[in-house]
Amino acid sequence: MQQSVGTFIRALAAVAEESGLLIKRLDKKLERTLLHSYRQAYNKALQAPGRSMSVAVSHLKGQLDDAAYKILMDYHSATVMLLSLVATATGDDAEDA
């Protein structure tokens, strides 16, 4: 992987030089700030509400082979059932108290 990144950077530099573009390296502080903001945005995107998960999973149907999609749907169904049971148990505990 490190070799492919180095190859990419050399190719990018060559293309930029050929096209007359100036590519500046980021300083460490700015690079760290940008990386942190990208991570926050990425993590926020991964925290989808539970109700939207079934829609997201259904969109993957065309992207996955049938076996992988079935495993994903089984996992999703089991997760929904577990969360439902936990919510019911928590509600029952609150009524008993």
N, C-alpha and C. Protein backbone atom coordinates (compact mmCIF):
# COMPACT_ATOMS: atom_id res chain seq x y z
N MET A 1 0.83 -1.19 0.00
CA MET A 1 0.00 0.00 0.00
C MET A 1 0.87 1.25 0.00
N GLN A 2 1.89 1.28 0.81
CA GLN A 2 2.77 2.44 0.88
C GLN A 2 3.38 2.73 -0.49
N GLN A 3 3.73 1.69 -1.21
CA GLN A 3 4.32 1.87 -2.53
C GLN A 3 3.31 2.48 -3.49
N SER A 4 2.06 2.04 -3.44
CA SER A 4 1.05 2.58 -4.34
C SER A 4 0.74 4.04 -4.01
N VAL A 5 0.80 4.43 -2.73
CA VAL A 5 0.58 5.82 -2.36
C VAL A 5 1.72 6.67 -2.89
N GLY A 6 2.94 6.18 -2.75
CA GLY A 6 4.10 6.91 -3.27
C GLY A 6 4.04 7.05 -4.78
N THR A 7 3.63 5.99 -5.45
CA THR A 7 3.48 6.03 -6.91
C THR A 7 2.42 7.05 -7.30
N PHE A 8 1.31 7.07 -6.58
CA PHE A 8 0.25 8.03 -6.85
C PHE A 8 0.75 9.46 -6.67
N ILE A 9 1.46 9.73 -5.60
CA ILE A 9 1.94 11.09 -5.33
C ILE A 9 2.93 11.54 -6.40
N ARG A 10 3.81 10.63 -6.82
CA ARG A 10 4.76 10.99 -7.89
C ARG A 10 4.01 11.27 -9.20
N ALA A 11 3.01 10.44 -9.51
CA ALA A 11 2.23 10.65 -10.73
C ALA A 11 1.45 11.96 -10.66
N LEU A 12 0.87 12.25 -9.50
CA LEU A 12 0.14 13.50 -9.32
C LEU A 12 1.06 14.70 -9.49
N ALA A 13 2.26 14.63 -8.92
CA ALA A 13 3.21 15.72 -9.06
C ALA A 13 3.60 15.92 -10.52
N ALA A 14 3.80 14.82 -11.24
CA ALA A 14 4.17 14.92 -12.65
C ALA A 14 3.05 15.55 -13.47
N VAL A 15 1.81 15.14 -13.22
CA VAL A 15 0.66 15.69 -13.95
C VAL A 15 0.49 17.16 -13.60
N ALA A 16 0.63 17.51 -12.33
CA ALA A 16 0.48 18.90 -11.91
C ALA A 16 1.55 19.77 -12.56
N GLU A 17 2.77 19.28 -12.59
CA GLU A 17 3.86 20.03 -13.21
C GLU A 17 3.62 20.21 -14.70
N GLU A 18 3.18 19.17 -15.36
CA GLU A 18 2.91 19.21 -16.80
C GLU A 18 1.79 20.20 -17.12
N SER A 19 0.78 20.26 -16.24
CA SER A 19 -0.36 21.15 -16.50
C SER A 19 -0.14 22.56 -15.96
N GLY A 20 0.95 22.78 -15.25
CA GLY A 20 1.25 24.11 -14.74
C GLY A 20 0.58 24.42 -13.41
N LEU A 21 0.03 23.41 -12.75
CA LEU A 21 -0.59 23.62 -11.45
C LEU A 21 0.44 23.57 -10.34
N LEU A 22 0.22 24.36 -9.33
CA LEU A 22 1.10 24.37 -8.17
C LEU A 22 0.40 23.63 -7.04
N ILE A 23 1.00 22.56 -6.57
CA ILE A 23 0.45 21.80 -5.46
C ILE A 23 1.35 22.01 -4.26
N LYS A 24 0.76 22.61 -3.22
CA LYS A 24 1.53 22.86 -2.01
C LYS A 24 1.24 21.77 -0.99
N ARG A 25 2.23 21.39 -0.27
CA ARG A 25 2.03 20.45 0.83
C ARG A 25 1.41 21.21 1.99
N LEU A 26 0.52 20.54 2.72
CA LEU A 26 -0.09 21.14 3.89
C LEU A 26 0.90 21.11 5.05
N ASP A 27 0.83 22.13 5.90
CA ASP A 27 1.64 22.05 7.10
C ASP A 27 0.96 21.07 8.06
N LYS A 28 1.70 20.59 9.00
CA LYS A 28 1.21 19.53 9.89
C LYS A 28 -0.03 19.97 10.68
N LYS A 29 -0.07 21.22 11.14
CA LYS A 29 -1.19 21.68 11.93
C LYS A 29 -2.47 21.72 11.09
N LEU A 30 -2.39 22.26 9.88
CA LEU A 30 -3.56 22.31 9.00
C LEU A 30 -3.98 20.92 8.58
N GLU A 31 -3.01 20.06 8.30
CA GLU A 31 -3.32 18.68 7.92
C GLU A 31 -4.06 17.96 9.04
N ARG A 32 -3.62 18.14 10.27
CA ARG A 32 -4.25 17.52 11.43
C ARG A 32 -5.68 18.05 11.61
N THR A 33 -5.86 19.36 11.43
CA THR A 33 -7.19 19.97 11.56
C THR A 33 -8.14 19.44 10.49
N LEU A 34 -7.68 19.35 9.25
CA LEU A 34 -8.52 18.83 8.18
C LEU A 34 -8.87 17.36 8.40
N LEU A 35 -7.89 16.58 8.81
CA LEU A 35 -8.13 15.17 9.06
C LEU A 35 -9.15 14.98 10.17
N HIS A 36 -9.04 15.78 11.21
CA HIS A 36 -10.00 15.70 12.32
C HIS A 36 -11.42 16.04 11.86
N SER A 37 -11.55 17.08 11.04
CA SER A 37 -12.90 17.46 10.57
C SER A 37 -13.45 16.40 9.62
N TYR A 38 -12.60 15.77 8.79
CA TYR A 38 -13.06 14.69 7.92
C TYR A 38 -13.52 13.49 8.73
N ARG A 39 -12.78 13.16 9.78
CA ARG A 39 -13.17 12.04 10.64
C ARG A 39 -14.51 12.31 11.31
N GLN A 40 -14.71 13.53 11.80
CA GLN A 40 -15.98 13.86 12.44
C GLN A 40 -17.14 13.74 11.46
N ALA A 41 -16.94 14.23 10.25
CA ALA A 41 -18.00 14.15 9.24
C ALA A 41 -18.28 12.70 8.88
N TYR A 42 -17.24 11.90 8.75
CA TYR A 42 -17.40 10.49 8.42
C TYR A 42 -18.14 9.75 9.53
N ASN A 43 -17.74 9.98 10.77
CA ASN A 43 -18.41 9.32 11.90
C ASN A 43 -19.86 9.74 12.01
N LYS A 44 -20.14 11.00 11.74
CA LYS A 44 -21.52 11.47 11.80
C LYS A 44 -22.35 10.81 10.71
N ALA A 45 -21.77 10.61 9.53
CA ALA A 45 -22.48 9.96 8.44
C ALA A 45 -22.79 8.50 8.76
N LEU A 46 -21.95 7.88 9.57
CA LEU A 46 -22.17 6.48 9.93
C LEU A 46 -23.23 6.30 11.00
N GLN A 47 -23.60 7.36 11.67
CA GLN A 47 -24.57 7.26 12.75
C GLN A 47 -25.98 7.53 12.24
N ALA A 48 -26.46 6.65 11.38
CA ALA A 48 -27.79 6.81 10.80
C ALA A 48 -28.84 6.38 11.82
N PRO A 49 -30.01 7.02 11.79
CA PRO A 49 -31.09 6.59 12.69
C PRO A 49 -31.51 5.17 12.36
N GLY A 50 -31.95 4.45 13.36
CA GLY A 50 -32.32 3.05 13.19
C GLY A 50 -33.39 2.83 12.14
N ARG A 51 -34.33 3.75 12.05
CA ARG A 51 -35.43 3.58 11.08
C ARG A 51 -34.93 3.65 9.64
N SER A 52 -33.84 4.34 9.40
CA SER A 52 -33.34 4.45 8.03
C SER A 52 -32.47 3.28 7.63
N MET A 53 -32.13 2.41 8.58
CA MET A 53 -31.26 1.28 8.26
C MET A 53 -31.92 0.30 7.29
N SER A 54 -33.20 0.05 7.42
CA SER A 54 -33.86 -0.89 6.51
C SER A 54 -33.83 -0.35 5.08
N VAL A 55 -33.96 0.95 4.92
CA VAL A 55 -33.88 1.57 3.60
C VAL A 55 -32.45 1.43 3.05
N ALA A 56 -31.47 1.69 3.90
CA ALA A 56 -30.07 1.57 3.47
C ALA A 56 -29.74 0.14 3.07
N VAL A 57 -30.21 -0.81 3.85
CA VAL A 57 -29.95 -2.22 3.55
C VAL A 57 -30.63 -2.61 2.24
N SER A 58 -31.85 -2.13 2.02
CA SER A 58 -32.54 -2.49 0.78
C SER A 58 -31.85 -1.91 -0.45
N HIS A 59 -31.19 -0.76 -0.31
CA HIS A 59 -30.44 -0.18 -1.42
C HIS A 59 -29.21 -1.03 -1.78
N LEU A 60 -28.74 -1.82 -0.85
CA LEU A 60 -27.57 -2.66 -1.10
C LEU A 60 -27.90 -3.94 -1.86
N LYS A 61 -29.18 -4.23 -2.03
CA LYS A 61 -29.57 -5.49 -2.66
C LYS A 61 -28.94 -5.68 -4.03
N GLY A 62 -28.93 -4.65 -4.84
CA GLY A 62 -28.33 -4.77 -6.17
C GLY A 62 -26.81 -4.79 -6.16
N GLN A 63 -26.21 -4.37 -5.06
CA GLN A 63 -24.76 -4.28 -4.97
C GLN A 63 -24.11 -5.55 -4.42
N LEU A 64 -24.88 -6.37 -3.74
CA LEU A 64 -24.34 -7.57 -3.09
C LEU A 64 -24.86 -8.82 -3.78
N ASP A 65 -24.09 -9.88 -3.68
CA ASP A 65 -24.61 -11.15 -4.18
C ASP A 65 -25.69 -11.64 -3.22
N ASP A 66 -26.49 -12.60 -3.67
CA ASP A 66 -27.65 -13.04 -2.89
C ASP A 66 -27.28 -13.57 -1.51
N ALA A 67 -26.19 -14.33 -1.41
CA ALA A 67 -25.79 -14.90 -0.12
C ALA A 67 -25.42 -13.80 0.86
N ALA A 68 -24.63 -12.81 0.41
CA ALA A 68 -24.23 -11.72 1.29
C ALA A 68 -25.42 -10.87 1.70
N TYR A 69 -26.33 -10.64 0.77
CA TYR A 69 -27.52 -9.86 1.08
C TYR A 69 -28.40 -10.58 2.10
N LYS A 70 -28.53 -11.90 1.97
CA LYS A 70 -29.32 -12.68 2.93
C LYS A 70 -28.70 -12.61 4.32
N ILE A 71 -27.38 -12.72 4.40
CA ILE A 71 -26.70 -12.61 5.69
C ILE A 71 -26.94 -11.24 6.30
N LEU A 72 -26.84 -10.19 5.48
CA LEU A 72 -27.06 -8.83 5.97
C LEU A 72 -28.50 -8.65 6.45
N MET A 73 -29.46 -9.18 5.70
CA MET A 73 -30.87 -9.07 6.10
C MET A 73 -31.14 -9.86 7.38
N ASP A 74 -30.54 -11.06 7.50
CA ASP A 74 -30.71 -11.85 8.72
C ASP A 74 -30.13 -11.11 9.92
N TYR A 75 -28.97 -10.51 9.74
CA TYR A 75 -28.34 -9.74 10.82
C TYR A 75 -29.21 -8.54 11.19
N HIS A 76 -29.73 -7.86 10.18
CA HIS A 76 -30.59 -6.69 10.43
C HIS A 76 -31.85 -7.11 11.17
N SER A 77 -32.47 -8.19 10.73
CA SER A 77 -33.69 -8.68 11.39
C SER A 77 -33.42 -9.07 12.84
N ALA A 78 -32.30 -9.75 13.07
CA ALA A 78 -31.95 -10.16 14.43
C ALA A 78 -31.68 -8.93 15.30
N THR A 79 -31.04 -7.91 14.74
CA THR A 79 -30.76 -6.69 15.49
C THR A 79 -32.05 -5.97 15.85
N VAL A 80 -32.96 -5.88 14.90
CA VAL A 80 -34.25 -5.23 15.16
C VAL A 80 -35.00 -5.98 16.25
N MET A 81 -35.00 -7.31 16.16
CA MET A 81 -35.69 -8.11 17.17
C MET A 81 -35.06 -7.92 18.54
N LEU A 82 -33.73 -7.93 18.61
CA LEU A 82 -33.04 -7.74 19.89
C LEU A 82 -33.35 -6.37 20.48
N LEU A 83 -33.30 -5.33 19.66
CA LEU A 83 -33.60 -3.99 20.16
C LEU A 83 -35.05 -3.88 20.63
N SER A 84 -35.94 -4.55 19.92
CA SER A 84 -37.34 -4.55 20.31
C SER A 84 -37.53 -5.24 21.66
N LEU A 85 -36.86 -6.38 21.83
CA LEU A 85 -36.94 -7.10 23.10
C LEU A 85 -36.36 -6.28 24.25
N VAL A 86 -35.24 -5.62 23.99
CA VAL A 86 -34.62 -4.79 25.03
C VAL A 86 -35.54 -3.63 25.39
N ALA A 87 -36.15 -3.01 24.38
CA ALA A 87 -37.06 -1.90 24.65
C ALA A 87 -38.27 -2.37 25.45
N THR A 88 -38.80 -3.54 25.10
CA THR A 88 -39.95 -4.10 25.82
C THR A 88 -39.56 -4.40 27.27
N ALA A 89 -38.39 -5.04 27.44
CA ALA A 89 -37.94 -5.40 28.79
C ALA A 89 -37.70 -4.14 29.61
N THR A 90 -37.15 -3.13 29.03
CA THR A 90 -36.90 -1.88 29.74
C THR A 90 -38.21 -1.22 30.13
N GLY A 91 -39.17 -1.25 29.21
CA GLY A 91 -40.50 -0.70 29.50
C GLY A 91 -41.18 -1.45 30.61
N ASP A 92 -41.05 -2.79 30.63
CA ASP A 92 -41.65 -3.61 31.68
C ASP A 92 -41.01 -3.30 33.03
N ASP A 93 -39.67 -3.12 33.02
CA ASP A 93 -38.97 -2.80 34.26
C ASP A 93 -39.42 -1.45 34.80
N ALA A 94 -39.65 -0.50 33.90
CA ALA A 94 -40.05 0.84 34.34
C ALA A 94 -41.46 0.79 34.94
N GLU A 95 -42.34 -0.08 34.39
CA GLU A 95 -43.70 -0.17 34.92
C GLU A 95 -43.71 -0.86 36.28
N ASP A 96 -42.79 -1.83 36.47
CA ASP A 96 -42.73 -2.56 37.73
C ASP A 96 -42.22 -1.69 38.87
N ALA A 97 -41.40 -0.70 38.54
CA ALA A 97 -40.77 0.13 39.58
C ALA A 97 -41.70 1.12 40.17
